[in-house]
Amino acid sequence: MSDHPWAIMVCLDVENDDWIFVTEDTGSCDMWDLRPVLFDDINDALKFAEVFTIEGKEQNVKVVSYVEAV
């Protein structure tokens, strides 16, 4: 456990270093109502990230420390 949550990011475009957070399904079509899926335990985040990992392109998925700007 850590004092901050963990999030998962997926690379959309390697050449442009374009990354997005994996987000929750909020049930809303509002593009601005996106919330990252957050984990208290890095091991849980790493396990969940496996879903988005493609063999040979493991570098395109990463678990990062998430600190929400207030």
N, C-alpha and C. Protein backbone atom coordinates (compact mmCIF):
# COMPACT_ATOMS: atom_id res chain seq x y z
N MET A 1 0.84 -1.18 0.00
CA MET A 1 0.00 0.00 0.00
C MET A 1 0.89 1.25 0.00
N SER A 2 0.36 2.31 -0.57
CA SER A 2 1.10 3.57 -0.60
C SER A 2 0.16 4.70 -0.21
N ASP A 3 0.71 5.88 -0.09
CA ASP A 3 -0.10 7.03 0.32
C ASP A 3 -0.73 7.75 -0.86
N HIS A 4 -0.64 7.18 -2.03
CA HIS A 4 -1.25 7.77 -3.22
C HIS A 4 -1.81 6.64 -4.09
N PRO A 5 -2.81 6.95 -4.91
CA PRO A 5 -3.36 5.91 -5.79
C PRO A 5 -2.48 5.67 -7.02
N TRP A 6 -2.76 4.56 -7.67
CA TRP A 6 -2.06 4.16 -8.90
C TRP A 6 -3.06 4.11 -10.04
N ALA A 7 -2.63 4.50 -11.23
CA ALA A 7 -3.47 4.48 -12.42
C ALA A 7 -2.74 3.77 -13.55
N ILE A 8 -3.49 3.41 -14.56
CA ILE A 8 -2.93 2.72 -15.73
C ILE A 8 -3.03 3.65 -16.93
N MET A 9 -1.93 3.73 -17.67
CA MET A 9 -1.92 4.52 -18.91
C MET A 9 -1.59 3.60 -20.08
N VAL A 10 -2.22 3.92 -21.23
CA VAL A 10 -2.02 3.16 -22.46
C VAL A 10 -1.58 4.13 -23.54
N CYS A 11 -0.56 3.75 -24.29
CA CYS A 11 -0.05 4.60 -25.37
C CYS A 11 -0.90 4.43 -26.62
N LEU A 12 -1.42 5.54 -27.13
CA LEU A 12 -2.20 5.52 -28.36
C LEU A 12 -1.33 5.70 -29.59
N ASP A 13 -0.26 6.48 -29.45
CA ASP A 13 0.60 6.80 -30.59
C ASP A 13 2.04 6.94 -30.08
N VAL A 14 2.84 5.94 -30.37
CA VAL A 14 4.23 5.91 -29.89
C VAL A 14 5.03 7.07 -30.46
N GLU A 15 4.86 7.37 -31.74
CA GLU A 15 5.64 8.43 -32.39
C GLU A 15 5.39 9.79 -31.76
N ASN A 16 4.17 10.05 -31.31
CA ASN A 16 3.82 11.34 -30.72
C ASN A 16 3.79 11.29 -29.19
N ASP A 17 4.20 10.15 -28.61
CA ASP A 17 4.20 9.98 -27.16
C ASP A 17 2.84 10.36 -26.56
N ASP A 18 1.77 9.81 -27.15
CA ASP A 18 0.39 10.14 -26.79
C ASP A 18 -0.19 9.05 -25.89
N TRP A 19 -0.44 9.39 -24.62
CA TRP A 19 -0.92 8.44 -23.62
C TRP A 19 -2.28 8.86 -23.08
N ILE A 20 -3.10 7.87 -22.70
CA ILE A 20 -4.37 8.15 -22.02
C ILE A 20 -4.47 7.26 -20.79
N PHE A 21 -5.28 7.71 -19.83
CA PHE A 21 -5.58 6.89 -18.67
C PHE A 21 -6.69 5.90 -19.02
N VAL A 22 -6.63 4.71 -18.43
CA VAL A 22 -7.75 3.78 -18.49
C VAL A 22 -8.80 4.37 -17.56
N THR A 23 -10.03 4.53 -18.05
CA THR A 23 -11.07 5.20 -17.27
C THR A 23 -12.22 4.28 -16.90
N GLU A 24 -12.96 4.70 -15.88
CA GLU A 24 -14.14 3.97 -15.43
C GLU A 24 -15.29 4.18 -16.40
N ASP A 25 -16.20 3.23 -16.42
CA ASP A 25 -17.45 3.41 -17.15
C ASP A 25 -18.40 4.15 -16.21
N THR A 26 -18.63 5.43 -16.47
CA THR A 26 -19.49 6.24 -15.61
C THR A 26 -20.94 6.16 -16.02
N GLY A 27 -21.23 5.47 -17.12
CA GLY A 27 -22.60 5.38 -17.61
C GLY A 27 -23.05 6.65 -18.32
N SER A 28 -22.13 7.57 -18.53
CA SER A 28 -22.44 8.84 -19.16
C SER A 28 -21.71 8.94 -20.49
N CYS A 29 -22.34 9.56 -21.45
CA CYS A 29 -21.70 9.79 -22.74
C CYS A 29 -20.93 11.11 -22.75
N ASP A 30 -20.98 11.82 -21.63
CA ASP A 30 -20.29 13.10 -21.51
C ASP A 30 -18.78 12.87 -21.52
N MET A 31 -18.11 13.36 -22.54
CA MET A 31 -16.68 13.15 -22.69
C MET A 31 -15.88 13.74 -21.53
N TRP A 32 -16.42 14.71 -20.84
CA TRP A 32 -15.70 15.38 -19.76
C TRP A 32 -15.96 14.73 -18.40
N ASP A 33 -16.71 13.64 -18.39
CA ASP A 33 -17.01 12.93 -17.15
C ASP A 33 -16.14 11.68 -17.03
N LEU A 34 -14.90 11.77 -17.48
CA LEU A 34 -14.00 10.64 -17.43
C LEU A 34 -13.26 10.60 -16.10
N ARG A 35 -13.18 9.42 -15.50
CA ARG A 35 -12.47 9.24 -14.24
C ARG A 35 -11.53 8.06 -14.38
N PRO A 36 -10.26 8.25 -14.08
CA PRO A 36 -9.32 7.13 -14.18
C PRO A 36 -9.68 6.02 -13.19
N VAL A 37 -9.43 4.79 -13.59
CA VAL A 37 -9.54 3.67 -12.67
C VAL A 37 -8.33 3.77 -11.74
N LEU A 38 -8.59 3.83 -10.43
CA LEU A 38 -7.51 4.01 -9.47
C LEU A 38 -7.41 2.81 -8.53
N PHE A 39 -6.18 2.54 -8.10
CA PHE A 39 -5.88 1.42 -7.22
C PHE A 39 -5.07 1.90 -6.04
N ASP A 40 -5.38 1.38 -4.85
CA ASP A 40 -4.59 1.71 -3.66
C ASP A 40 -3.29 0.91 -3.60
N ASP A 41 -3.31 -0.24 -4.23
CA ASP A 41 -2.17 -1.16 -4.19
C ASP A 41 -1.58 -1.29 -5.60
N ILE A 42 -0.30 -1.02 -5.74
CA ILE A 42 0.35 -1.10 -7.06
C ILE A 42 0.23 -2.50 -7.66
N ASN A 43 0.24 -3.53 -6.82
CA ASN A 43 0.14 -4.89 -7.35
C ASN A 43 -1.21 -5.14 -8.01
N ASP A 44 -2.27 -4.57 -7.45
CA ASP A 44 -3.59 -4.67 -8.08
C ASP A 44 -3.60 -3.95 -9.42
N ALA A 45 -2.96 -2.80 -9.47
CA ALA A 45 -2.89 -2.04 -10.73
C ALA A 45 -2.09 -2.80 -11.79
N LEU A 46 -0.98 -3.39 -11.39
CA LEU A 46 -0.17 -4.16 -12.33
C LEU A 46 -0.94 -5.36 -12.88
N LYS A 47 -1.69 -6.02 -12.03
CA LYS A 47 -2.49 -7.17 -12.45
C LYS A 47 -3.57 -6.72 -13.45
N PHE A 48 -4.27 -5.62 -13.13
CA PHE A 48 -5.32 -5.10 -14.00
C PHE A 48 -4.74 -4.64 -15.35
N ALA A 49 -3.53 -4.10 -15.33
CA ALA A 49 -2.89 -3.60 -16.56
C ALA A 49 -2.62 -4.71 -17.56
N GLU A 50 -2.51 -5.93 -17.08
CA GLU A 50 -2.25 -7.07 -17.98
C GLU A 50 -3.33 -7.20 -19.05
N VAL A 51 -4.55 -6.78 -18.74
CA VAL A 51 -5.67 -6.85 -19.69
C VAL A 51 -5.36 -6.02 -20.94
N PHE A 52 -4.63 -4.94 -20.78
CA PHE A 52 -4.37 -4.01 -21.88
C PHE A 52 -3.02 -4.24 -22.55
N THR A 53 -2.27 -5.21 -22.08
CA THR A 53 -0.92 -5.45 -22.59
C THR A 53 -0.95 -6.42 -23.77
N ILE A 54 -0.27 -6.03 -24.83
CA ILE A 54 -0.14 -6.87 -26.02
C ILE A 54 1.28 -7.42 -26.05
N GLU A 55 1.39 -8.72 -26.28
CA GLU A 55 2.70 -9.35 -26.33
C GLU A 55 3.58 -8.67 -27.37
N GLY A 56 4.79 -8.32 -26.95
CA GLY A 56 5.74 -7.63 -27.83
C GLY A 56 5.62 -6.11 -27.76
N LYS A 57 4.56 -5.61 -27.13
CA LYS A 57 4.35 -4.17 -27.01
C LYS A 57 4.07 -3.79 -25.55
N GLU A 58 4.71 -4.50 -24.65
CA GLU A 58 4.50 -4.28 -23.21
C GLU A 58 4.81 -2.85 -22.79
N GLN A 59 5.72 -2.18 -23.50
CA GLN A 59 6.12 -0.83 -23.16
C GLN A 59 5.00 0.18 -23.41
N ASN A 60 3.92 -0.23 -24.06
CA ASN A 60 2.81 0.68 -24.36
C ASN A 60 1.76 0.73 -23.26
N VAL A 61 2.00 0.05 -22.16
CA VAL A 61 1.11 0.09 -20.99
C VAL A 61 1.99 0.32 -19.78
N LYS A 62 1.56 1.28 -18.93
CA LYS A 62 2.35 1.53 -17.73
C LYS A 62 1.43 1.88 -16.56
N VAL A 63 1.91 1.55 -15.37
CA VAL A 63 1.24 1.91 -14.13
C VAL A 63 1.99 3.12 -13.57
N VAL A 64 1.22 4.16 -13.24
CA VAL A 64 1.82 5.40 -12.77
C VAL A 64 1.19 5.85 -11.46
N SER A 65 1.97 6.59 -10.70
CA SER A 65 1.44 7.23 -9.50
C SER A 65 0.46 8.31 -9.94
N TYR A 66 -0.71 8.34 -9.31
CA TYR A 66 -1.73 9.30 -9.71
C TYR A 66 -2.00 10.27 -8.58
N VAL A 67 -1.71 11.52 -8.83
CA VAL A 67 -2.01 12.58 -7.87
C VAL A 67 -2.92 13.56 -8.58
N GLU A 68 -4.16 13.62 -8.11
CA GLU A 68 -5.14 14.49 -8.75
C GLU A 68 -4.88 15.95 -8.42
N ALA A 69 -4.87 16.79 -9.44
CA ALA A 69 -4.69 18.22 -9.23
C ALA A 69 -5.99 18.80 -8.67
N VAL A 70 -5.83 19.62 -7.65
CA VAL A 70 -7.01 20.22 -7.01
C VAL A 70 -7.07 21.68 -7.36
